[in-house]
Amino acid sequence: MTEGEPNKPAPEGEAENGSDKRFALRLRKYIDVVVEDPLSSMLFRGAIADISPTGMRVIADQYLPVGTKYKFTMKRNPFLSLRGEVRWIRAFQGETYQVGVLIVNATEDERKRLVNFLELEHRRLGS
């Protein structure tokens, strides 16, 4: 698992002024996460493969239906618990899935902590 590739370049024709939010402050770093289904209280493990201020890509061994909301608790820095809605899911390797998650209902403090973490990691990785 690598910790490189902190930024993706803006697609051709996109300005670097944030016109495509998907490319702003995206960090590719594996962060262990516990996923909780608030309706059933079921818990399972996964890993965040990349994260931005608005969403994340999670690797999970459970199928997470599109449109379902979960709580994602990071087991490493920045130790945030964020609510997210599954936007897409794809088969990955073996019995695992890649899951696109939109961060929803984050507090101002949670957003600030996430952005601060992403900015610190970008500086640390020399981007």
Protein backbone atom coordinates (compact mmCIF):
# COMPACT_ATOMS: atom_id res chain seq x y z
CA MET A 1 0.00 0.00 0.00
CA THR A 2 1.53 3.27 -1.08
CA GLU A 3 1.09 6.74 0.27
CA GLY A 4 2.03 8.68 -2.86
CA GLU A 5 0.05 10.43 -5.56
CA PRO A 6 -1.48 13.15 -3.37
CA ASN A 7 -2.91 15.20 -6.24
CA LYS A 8 -4.44 14.37 -9.56
CA PRO A 9 -3.97 16.99 -12.25
CA ALA A 10 -7.04 18.83 -13.44
CA PRO A 11 -8.48 17.32 -16.61
CA GLU A 12 -7.64 19.15 -19.80
CA GLY A 13 -9.88 22.16 -20.14
CA GLU A 14 -10.53 22.40 -16.39
CA ALA A 15 -9.17 25.39 -14.59
CA GLU A 16 -7.03 24.85 -11.51
CA ASN A 17 -9.22 27.29 -9.59
CA GLY A 18 -11.39 24.53 -8.12
CA SER A 19 -13.89 24.27 -10.96
CA ASP A 20 -13.75 20.48 -10.57
CA LYS A 21 -14.02 19.80 -6.84
CA ARG A 22 -13.21 16.11 -7.29
CA PHE A 23 -9.54 16.99 -7.87
CA ALA A 24 -9.05 19.50 -5.03
CA LEU A 25 -7.02 18.20 -2.07
CA ARG A 26 -7.43 14.50 -2.89
CA LEU A 27 -5.09 12.27 -0.91
CA ARG A 28 -4.25 8.69 -1.80
CA LYS A 29 -3.47 7.10 1.53
CA TYR A 30 -4.78 3.96 3.18
CA ILE A 31 -6.59 4.70 6.44
CA ASP A 32 -8.21 1.83 8.35
CA VAL A 33 -11.88 2.49 8.94
CA VAL A 34 -14.78 0.89 10.80
CA VAL A 35 -18.05 1.09 8.86
CA GLU A 36 -21.26 1.17 10.88
CA ASP A 37 -24.76 0.67 9.53
CA PRO A 38 -26.86 2.86 11.85
CA LEU A 39 -30.06 0.96 11.05
CA SER A 40 -28.80 -2.50 11.97
CA SER A 41 -25.83 -1.48 14.17
CA MET A 42 -23.70 -3.87 12.09
CA LEU A 43 -19.96 -3.07 12.13
CA PHE A 44 -17.28 -4.16 9.68
CA ARG A 45 -13.79 -3.11 8.67
CA GLY A 46 -12.59 -1.42 5.54
CA ALA A 47 -9.89 0.94 4.32
CA ILE A 48 -10.10 4.40 2.86
CA ALA A 49 -8.04 4.31 -0.34
CA ASP A 50 -8.33 8.00 -1.11
CA ILE A 51 -10.10 10.93 0.46
CA SER A 52 -11.01 14.53 -0.30
CA PRO A 53 -13.01 17.15 1.61
CA THR A 54 -16.23 15.96 -0.06
CA GLY A 55 -15.83 12.21 -0.45
CA MET A 56 -13.75 9.07 -0.26
CA ARG A 57 -13.11 5.76 -1.97
CA VAL A 58 -13.39 2.87 0.47
CA ILE A 59 -12.29 -0.74 0.00
CA ALA A 60 -14.70 -3.04 1.84
CA ASP A 61 -15.45 -6.76 1.99
CA GLN A 62 -19.17 -6.05 2.28
CA TYR A 63 -21.52 -4.98 -0.49
CA LEU A 64 -22.79 -1.49 0.36
CA PRO A 65 -25.92 -0.62 -1.64
CA VAL A 66 -25.97 2.69 -3.54
CA GLY A 67 -27.95 5.35 -1.67
CA THR A 68 -27.32 3.80 1.75
CA LYS A 69 -25.81 5.95 4.52
CA TYR A 70 -23.12 4.69 6.89
CA LYS A 71 -20.86 6.05 9.60
CA PHE A 72 -17.13 5.77 8.79
CA THR A 73 -14.77 5.94 11.78
CA MET A 74 -11.08 6.37 10.97
CA LYS A 75 -8.75 4.30 13.14
CA ARG A 76 -5.73 6.55 12.40
CA ASN A 77 -5.07 10.24 12.10
CA PRO A 78 -7.28 12.30 11.70
CA PHE A 79 -9.50 9.96 13.80
CA LEU A 80 -12.74 11.36 12.40
CA SER A 81 -16.19 9.76 12.37
CA LEU A 82 -17.96 10.91 9.21
CA ARG A 83 -21.35 10.09 7.78
CA GLY A 84 -21.38 9.16 4.13
CA GLU A 85 -23.74 8.09 1.38
CA VAL A 86 -22.74 5.38 -1.08
CA ARG A 87 -22.74 6.86 -4.59
CA TRP A 88 -21.26 3.93 -6.55
CA ILE A 89 -19.84 0.44 -5.97
CA ARG A 90 -17.61 -1.80 -8.10
CA ALA A 91 -16.13 -5.26 -7.68
CA PHE A 92 -12.46 -4.98 -6.72
CA GLN A 93 -10.21 -7.94 -5.87
CA GLY A 94 -11.52 -11.30 -4.75
CA GLU A 95 -14.44 -10.74 -2.41
CA THR A 96 -13.87 -6.99 -1.96
CA TYR A 97 -15.51 -3.87 -3.39
CA GLN A 98 -14.50 -0.30 -4.18
CA VAL A 99 -17.12 2.08 -2.84
CA GLY A 100 -17.51 5.76 -3.72
CA VAL A 101 -18.81 7.69 -0.72
CA LEU A 102 -20.12 11.26 -0.58
CA ILE A 103 -19.51 12.84 2.84
CA VAL A 104 -22.85 14.13 4.18
CA ASN A 105 -23.91 16.12 7.25
CA ALA A 106 -20.34 16.86 8.36
CA THR A 107 -20.07 19.57 10.98
CA GLU A 108 -17.95 22.65 10.36
CA ASP A 109 -15.39 21.31 12.85
CA GLU A 110 -15.20 17.92 11.08
CA ARG A 111 -14.71 19.61 7.69
CA LYS A 112 -11.97 21.88 9.09
CA ARG A 113 -10.17 18.94 10.70
CA LEU A 114 -10.35 16.95 7.46
CA VAL A 115 -9.09 19.84 5.30
CA ASN A 116 -6.28 20.57 7.79
CA PHE A 117 -5.26 16.90 7.73
CA LEU A 118 -5.26 16.84 3.91
CA GLU A 119 -3.22 20.05 3.69
CA LEU A 120 -0.66 18.76 6.23
CA GLU A 121 -0.30 15.46 4.37
CA HIS A 122 0.17 17.25 1.03
CA ARG A 123 2.96 19.36 2.53
CA ARG A 124 4.51 16.33 4.22
CA LEU A 125 4.52 14.36 0.97
CA GLY A 126 6.11 17.29 -0.84
CA SER A 127 3.31 18.12 -3.22
